[in-house]
Amino acid sequence: MGRNAWRFALTLVSVAALATTGWSLYAVARHYDAPEIIAVAVFLVFDGIAYACLHLASEASAAGRSAFGARFTAVGMAGVSVYLNDFHADLIRGGTPASLLFAMPTVGLLLLSELSWAGHRAEARAARTEQPYRLPAFGGWAWALAPTLAGKTVKARAVHHIEHGPTTAVTTVEPPTKHSATEVLRRRFAEMDPADAIRVAHDAHPDAPPAELASMLITYGVIVDAVQVALVLHGQPDRITVDRDDTDDADPDAPADTDDAPQATGRPALTKAQAILDAAAALGPAFKAADVVDRVKRINRITTDDAYVRTVLHRERKAEPDDGGRPMEGGYA
């Protein structure tokens, strides 16, 4: 609402100022017998160009470019307009009051426009981290009582700003905020999985019941109940503690190197020939050598071939005792 009111007031003042100075420039143009349309164009040329240049200067400043050309043109056009307004005052013999009446609206409009765009330029400079030089606020009494010293101080600060850049404001460093252990642990537990927090609490208090652990965790910001604690802890395997006695239970008369129990040796490695014989016994009668090869590879992870299988079985058959000339039961193909 305030922004719209400001725009309306600025528009109203601009129209009134242009109308006042425009009538004065129109009268000067008609004095030289200029056509009416040319007389109207005169004030649009002078005041319009000055106003447009001032707008371009503000945009240039906001964009970080030099606005000297635009401002110089605006001041030049405004100066010519003021001169013509003063000439109009002489034509009607109005004197100084008439000169001020015709000229000041143009000057005031340009100054008002410059001030209204200053805020946007300052915001753009702040976005670019630029800090222009500002006059120190000494106050009226300081200038009245010590004008020379105040002027020298302003000059010295301006020179320092030009040579060394803007002076950053001194900021006070606040002491670090102290946090209690409970607050620190609250943040720590907040980052953890609730199940992990329950296990940590259980490790710290293994004898505490689930209800007590839940109450303890709530104080640290982990909102759980006794049932949830019990469910998490129920999934953990039971721990079995074995207490070993360092005393020797062996008979005192037993030799010193006698162990509590004889050491069991591992099963000897299975040979390829024995694996073939075991496979032949498991397959029964009427087996094929290829079946033995397949079973040895599948069961014993031993690779062999048909010829070797026949060789092992033939050697085993020859090693058997003579049974009266009867053929061996079973066989292989």
Protein backbone atom coordinates (compact mmCIF):
# COMPACT_ATOMS: atom_id res chain seq x y z
CA MET A 1 0.00 0.00 0.00
CA GLY A 2 2.80 2.44 0.90
CA ARG A 3 4.68 1.58 -2.28
CA ASN A 4 1.65 2.33 -4.46
CA ALA A 5 1.04 5.61 -2.64
CA TRP A 6 4.63 6.68 -3.26
CA ARG A 7 4.36 5.89 -6.96
CA PHE A 8 1.12 7.80 -7.24
CA ALA A 9 2.62 10.84 -5.50
CA LEU A 10 5.73 10.72 -7.69
CA THR A 11 3.60 10.49 -10.82
CA LEU A 12 1.46 13.43 -9.70
CA VAL A 13 4.49 15.61 -8.95
CA SER A 14 6.14 14.64 -12.26
CA VAL A 15 3.08 15.60 -14.30
CA ALA A 16 2.74 18.94 -12.49
CA ALA A 17 6.46 19.77 -12.90
CA LEU A 18 6.48 18.89 -16.59
CA ALA A 19 3.35 20.90 -17.17
CA THR A 20 4.83 24.01 -15.50
CA THR A 21 8.19 23.93 -17.25
CA GLY A 22 6.58 22.74 -20.47
CA TRP A 23 4.28 25.78 -20.63
CA SER A 24 7.32 28.05 -20.15
CA LEU A 25 9.28 26.38 -22.94
CA TYR A 26 6.16 26.39 -25.15
CA ALA A 27 5.86 30.15 -24.65
CA VAL A 28 9.52 30.68 -25.62
CA ALA A 29 9.06 28.62 -28.77
CA ARG A 30 5.91 30.54 -29.74
CA HIS A 31 7.83 33.75 -29.15
CA TYR A 32 10.04 32.76 -32.09
CA ASP A 33 6.95 31.94 -34.18
CA ALA A 34 7.46 28.17 -33.95
CA PRO A 35 4.43 26.05 -34.94
CA GLU A 36 2.35 24.74 -32.07
CA ILE A 37 3.40 21.11 -32.57
CA ILE A 38 7.06 22.16 -32.56
CA ALA A 39 6.49 24.24 -29.45
CA VAL A 40 5.05 21.20 -27.70
CA ALA A 41 7.97 19.08 -28.84
CA VAL A 42 10.47 21.57 -27.40
CA PHE A 43 9.71 20.87 -23.76
CA LEU A 44 9.49 17.13 -24.47
CA VAL A 45 12.97 17.23 -25.97
CA PHE A 46 14.63 19.12 -23.13
CA ASP A 47 12.90 17.69 -20.05
CA GLY A 48 12.30 14.24 -21.59
CA ILE A 49 15.94 13.75 -22.53
CA ALA A 50 17.11 14.91 -19.09
CA TYR A 51 14.70 12.57 -17.34
CA ALA A 52 15.63 9.61 -19.59
CA CYS A 53 19.36 10.22 -19.08
CA LEU A 54 18.87 10.24 -15.33
CA HIS A 55 17.11 6.89 -15.57
CA LEU A 56 19.94 5.49 -17.69
CA ALA A 57 22.45 6.76 -15.15
CA SER A 58 20.66 4.87 -12.37
CA GLU A 59 20.62 1.68 -14.40
CA ALA A 60 24.31 2.04 -15.17
CA SER A 61 25.14 2.53 -11.48
CA ALA A 62 23.04 -0.49 -10.51
CA ALA A 63 24.82 -2.62 -13.12
CA GLY A 64 28.26 -1.50 -11.96
CA ARG A 65 29.00 0.61 -15.04
CA SER A 66 30.09 4.23 -15.19
CA ALA A 67 27.14 6.67 -15.17
CA PHE A 68 29.20 9.80 -15.85
CA GLY A 69 28.04 10.21 -19.45
CA ALA A 70 24.36 9.83 -18.67
CA ARG A 71 24.49 12.17 -15.68
CA PHE A 72 26.51 14.78 -17.59
CA THR A 73 23.93 14.74 -20.39
CA ALA A 74 21.05 15.03 -17.91
CA VAL A 75 22.67 18.03 -16.20
CA GLY A 76 23.38 19.67 -19.58
CA MET A 77 19.80 19.28 -20.84
CA ALA A 78 18.41 20.47 -17.51
CA GLY A 79 20.77 23.49 -17.61
CA VAL A 80 19.53 24.51 -21.08
CA SER A 81 15.92 24.09 -19.93
CA VAL A 82 16.53 26.33 -16.90
CA TYR A 83 18.19 28.96 -19.12
CA LEU A 84 15.14 29.04 -21.41
CA ASN A 85 12.84 29.30 -18.40
CA ASP A 86 14.85 32.28 -17.19
CA PHE A 87 14.61 33.81 -20.69
CA HIS A 88 10.85 33.41 -20.56
CA ALA A 89 10.80 35.23 -17.23
CA ASP A 90 12.67 38.15 -18.86
CA LEU A 91 10.19 38.24 -21.75
CA ILE A 92 7.27 38.77 -19.42
CA ARG A 93 9.37 41.02 -17.11
CA GLY A 94 8.71 38.69 -14.18
CA GLY A 95 12.22 38.93 -12.75
CA THR A 96 13.72 36.43 -10.35
CA PRO A 97 10.42 35.14 -8.96
CA ALA A 98 9.27 34.18 -12.44
CA SER A 99 12.63 32.53 -13.21
CA LEU A 100 12.38 30.40 -10.07
CA LEU A 101 8.74 29.60 -10.79
CA PHE A 102 9.48 28.30 -14.28
CA ALA A 103 12.85 26.64 -13.65
CA MET A 104 12.64 25.00 -10.22
CA PRO A 105 10.05 22.32 -11.17
CA THR A 106 12.53 20.83 -13.65
CA VAL A 107 15.38 20.91 -11.12
CA GLY A 108 13.19 19.51 -8.36
CA LEU A 109 11.87 16.68 -10.56
CA LEU A 110 15.39 15.62 -11.54
CA LEU A 111 16.58 15.72 -7.92
CA LEU A 112 13.54 13.74 -6.74
CA SER A 113 14.11 11.10 -9.41
CA GLU A 114 17.79 10.84 -8.47
CA LEU A 115 16.92 10.30 -4.81
CA SER A 116 14.17 7.80 -5.56
CA TRP A 117 16.55 5.57 -7.52
CA ALA A 118 19.38 5.82 -5.01
CA GLY A 119 17.96 2.93 -2.93
CA HIS A 120 17.98 0.52 -5.88
CA ARG A 121 21.56 1.48 -6.71
CA ALA A 122 22.63 0.88 -3.09
CA GLU A 123 21.01 -2.59 -3.10
CA ALA A 124 22.81 -3.49 -6.31
CA ARG A 125 26.14 -2.33 -4.87
CA ALA A 126 25.58 -4.30 -1.70
CA ALA A 127 24.91 -7.41 -3.81
CA ARG A 128 28.31 -6.86 -5.44
CA THR A 129 29.89 -6.37 -1.98
CA GLU A 130 30.74 -2.77 -2.85
CA GLN A 131 30.82 -0.21 -0.05
CA PRO A 132 30.94 3.41 -1.23
CA TYR A 133 32.31 6.15 0.97
CA ARG A 134 29.80 7.77 3.31
CA LEU A 135 30.20 10.95 5.32
CA PRO A 136 30.62 10.28 9.02
CA ALA A 137 27.65 11.34 11.13
CA PHE A 138 29.24 13.75 13.60
CA GLY A 139 26.04 15.61 14.35
CA GLY A 140 25.18 19.29 14.14
CA TRP A 141 26.83 20.29 17.42
CA ALA A 142 30.17 18.77 16.34
CA TRP A 143 30.15 20.78 13.12
CA ALA A 144 29.11 23.91 14.96
CA LEU A 145 31.69 23.66 17.74
CA ALA A 146 34.65 22.22 15.79
CA PRO A 147 34.07 22.77 12.08
CA THR A 148 37.76 22.75 11.16
CA LEU A 149 38.52 19.49 12.95
CA ALA A 150 35.35 17.89 11.57
CA GLY A 151 36.30 18.89 8.03
CA LYS A 152 39.85 17.52 8.41
CA THR A 153 38.50 14.23 9.80
CA VAL A 154 36.08 13.84 6.89
CA LYS A 155 38.90 14.51 4.41
CA ALA A 156 41.27 12.06 6.14
CA ARG A 157 38.67 9.30 6.08
CA ALA A 158 37.92 9.97 2.42
CA VAL A 159 41.63 9.70 1.56
CA HIS A 160 41.89 6.45 3.54
CA HIS A 161 38.85 5.06 1.72
CA ILE A 162 40.39 5.88 -1.66
CA GLU A 163 43.80 4.43 -0.83
CA HIS A 164 42.86 1.38 1.25
CA GLY A 165 39.26 0.63 0.36
CA PRO A 166 36.27 0.51 2.69
CA THR A 167 36.82 -0.01 6.38
CA THR A 168 35.03 -3.07 7.66
CA ALA A 169 33.04 -2.69 10.81
CA VAL A 170 34.53 -4.18 13.93
CA THR A 171 32.44 -7.09 15.08
CA THR A 172 32.57 -8.41 18.59
CA VAL A 173 33.23 -12.11 18.89
CA GLU A 174 30.79 -13.70 21.27
CA PRO A 175 32.17 -16.35 23.60
CA PRO A 176 31.22 -19.91 22.65
CA THR A 177 28.02 -21.15 24.18
CA LYS A 178 28.54 -23.81 26.81
CA HIS A 179 26.54 -26.99 26.41
CA SER A 180 25.88 -29.60 29.05
CA ALA A 181 26.73 -33.24 28.51
CA THR A 182 23.03 -34.09 28.29
CA GLU A 183 22.52 -31.63 25.41
CA VAL A 184 25.53 -32.99 23.55
CA LEU A 185 24.34 -36.57 24.03
CA ARG A 186 20.86 -35.57 22.90
CA ARG A 187 22.29 -34.43 19.57
CA ARG A 188 24.40 -37.60 19.38
CA PHE A 189 21.45 -39.92 20.01
CA ALA A 190 19.29 -37.94 17.57
CA GLU A 191 21.67 -38.97 14.76
CA MET A 192 21.63 -42.66 15.77
CA ASP A 193 19.19 -45.42 14.94
CA PRO A 194 16.87 -45.99 17.94
CA ALA A 195 17.84 -49.69 17.99
CA ASP A 196 21.53 -48.75 18.24
CA ALA A 197 20.74 -46.32 21.07
CA ILE A 198 18.90 -49.11 22.91
CA ARG A 199 21.89 -51.42 22.58
CA VAL A 200 24.26 -48.72 23.83
CA ALA A 201 22.10 -48.16 26.90
CA HIS A 202 21.85 -51.91 27.50
CA ASP A 203 25.64 -52.28 27.31
CA ALA A 204 26.02 -49.49 29.87
CA HIS A 205 23.36 -51.00 32.20
CA PRO A 206 23.06 -54.72 31.37
CA ASP A 207 21.01 -55.49 34.49
CA ALA A 208 18.41 -52.73 33.95
CA PRO A 209 14.93 -53.90 32.92
CA PRO A 210 13.41 -52.66 29.62
CA ALA A 211 11.17 -50.11 31.38
CA GLU A 212 14.13 -48.49 33.13
CA LEU A 213 16.16 -48.40 29.90
CA ALA A 214 13.23 -46.79 28.06
CA SER A 215 12.91 -44.12 30.76
CA MET A 216 16.64 -43.45 30.60
CA LEU A 217 16.60 -43.10 26.80
CA ILE A 218 13.66 -40.70 26.91
CA THR A 219 15.74 -38.28 28.98
CA TYR A 220 18.22 -38.17 26.06
CA GLY A 221 15.55 -37.53 23.45
CA VAL A 222 15.09 -41.14 22.23
CA ILE A 223 11.34 -41.74 22.52
CA VAL A 224 10.88 -45.50 23.04
CA ASP A 225 8.77 -47.66 25.34
CA ALA A 226 9.49 -50.82 27.30
CA VAL A 227 8.01 -53.08 24.61
CA GLN A 228 10.25 -51.63 21.90
CA VAL A 229 13.31 -52.01 24.13
CA ALA A 230 12.41 -55.64 24.85
CA LEU A 231 11.89 -56.38 21.16
CA VAL A 232 15.30 -54.98 20.25
CA LEU A 233 17.12 -56.77 23.05
CA HIS A 234 15.26 -60.06 22.42
CA GLY A 235 16.91 -60.30 18.99
CA GLN A 236 20.40 -60.36 20.50
CA PRO A 237 22.00 -63.81 21.05
CA ASP A 238 22.43 -64.90 24.64
CA ARG A 239 25.90 -64.47 25.98
CA ILE A 240 27.48 -67.55 27.60
CA THR A 241 30.29 -66.90 30.03
CA VAL A 242 32.66 -69.79 30.78
CA ASP A 243 34.76 -69.55 33.89
CA ARG A 244 37.94 -71.58 33.48
CA ASP A 245 39.87 -72.86 36.43
CA ASP A 246 43.61 -72.46 36.23
CA THR A 247 44.22 -75.52 38.47
CA ASP A 248 45.26 -78.82 36.87
CA ASP A 249 42.69 -81.64 37.35
CA ALA A 250 45.11 -84.39 36.21
CA ASP A 251 46.33 -87.05 38.60
CA PRO A 252 49.43 -85.94 40.51
CA ASP A 253 51.23 -89.14 39.53
CA ALA A 254 50.59 -88.61 35.80
CA PRO A 255 53.52 -87.44 33.69
CA ALA A 256 53.84 -83.74 33.20
CA ASP A 257 53.32 -83.91 29.45
CA THR A 258 50.09 -85.91 29.72
CA ASP A 259 47.15 -83.99 28.22
CA ASP A 260 43.61 -83.98 29.59
CA ALA A 261 42.42 -85.92 26.52
CA PRO A 262 44.09 -87.52 23.55
CA GLN A 263 44.27 -85.30 20.54
CA ALA A 264 42.15 -86.54 17.63
CA THR A 265 43.85 -86.54 14.28
CA GLY A 266 42.09 -85.53 11.09
CA ARG A 267 40.83 -87.94 8.45
CA PRO A 268 43.56 -88.89 5.98
CA ALA A 269 43.22 -87.50 2.49
CA LEU A 270 41.27 -89.70 0.07
CA THR A 271 43.30 -91.00 -2.88
CA LYS A 272 41.96 -91.13 -6.42
CA ALA A 273 42.03 -94.94 -6.47
CA GLN A 274 40.15 -95.20 -3.18
CA ALA A 275 37.57 -92.70 -4.44
CA ILE A 276 37.05 -94.85 -7.55
CA LEU A 277 36.59 -98.00 -5.45
CA ASP A 278 34.12 -96.24 -3.13
CA ALA A 279 32.13 -95.02 -6.12
CA ALA A 280 32.07 -98.51 -7.65
CA ALA A 281 30.82 -99.99 -4.38
CA ALA A 282 28.14 -97.32 -4.08
CA LEU A 283 26.89 -97.74 -7.66
CA GLY A 284 26.40 -101.48 -7.31
CA PRO A 285 26.49 -104.07 -10.10
CA ALA A 286 26.29 -103.32 -13.80
CA PHE A 287 27.79 -99.85 -13.58
CA LYS A 288 29.69 -98.07 -16.31
CA ALA A 289 33.10 -96.50 -16.07
CA ALA A 290 31.58 -93.14 -17.08
CA ASP A 291 29.24 -93.36 -14.08
CA VAL A 292 32.23 -93.80 -11.77
CA VAL A 293 34.02 -90.84 -13.36
CA ASP A 294 30.94 -88.67 -12.92
CA ARG A 295 30.39 -89.68 -9.29
CA VAL A 296 34.04 -89.20 -8.29
CA LYS A 297 33.99 -85.73 -9.83
CA ARG A 298 30.67 -84.81 -8.21
CA ILE A 299 31.22 -86.30 -4.75
CA ASN A 300 34.97 -86.15 -4.20
CA ARG A 301 35.87 -83.27 -6.52
CA ILE A 302 38.49 -85.52 -8.22
CA THR A 303 38.90 -85.61 -11.98
CA THR A 304 39.67 -88.93 -13.69
CA ASP A 305 38.88 -90.77 -16.94
CA ASP A 306 37.39 -94.09 -18.07
CA ALA A 307 40.76 -95.78 -18.75
CA TYR A 308 42.06 -95.08 -15.28
CA VAL A 309 38.81 -96.32 -13.74
CA ARG A 310 39.14 -99.64 -15.63
CA THR A 311 42.78 -99.93 -14.57
CA VAL A 312 41.99 -99.42 -10.86
CA LEU A 313 39.08 -101.85 -10.90
CA HIS A 314 41.09 -104.47 -12.82
CA ARG A 315 43.97 -104.15 -10.35
CA GLU A 316 41.55 -104.50 -7.44
CA ARG A 317 39.95 -107.61 -8.96
CA LYS A 318 43.31 -109.25 -9.46
CA ALA A 319 44.25 -108.53 -5.86
CA GLU A 320 41.20 -110.35 -4.49
CA PRO A 321 41.73 -113.99 -3.27
CA ASP A 322 40.84 -116.84 -5.66
CA ASP A 323 37.25 -117.97 -5.07
CA GLY A 324 37.32 -121.22 -7.01
CA GLY A 325 37.26 -119.86 -10.50
CA ARG A 326 33.88 -118.23 -10.12
CA PRO A 327 33.53 -114.87 -11.82
CA MET A 328 33.40 -111.69 -9.63
CA GLU A 329 29.91 -110.47 -8.86
CA GLY A 330 29.08 -107.31 -10.61
CA GLY A 331 31.27 -105.74 -13.23
CA TYR A 332 31.72 -102.69 -15.36
CA ALA A 333 31.24 -101.88 -18.94
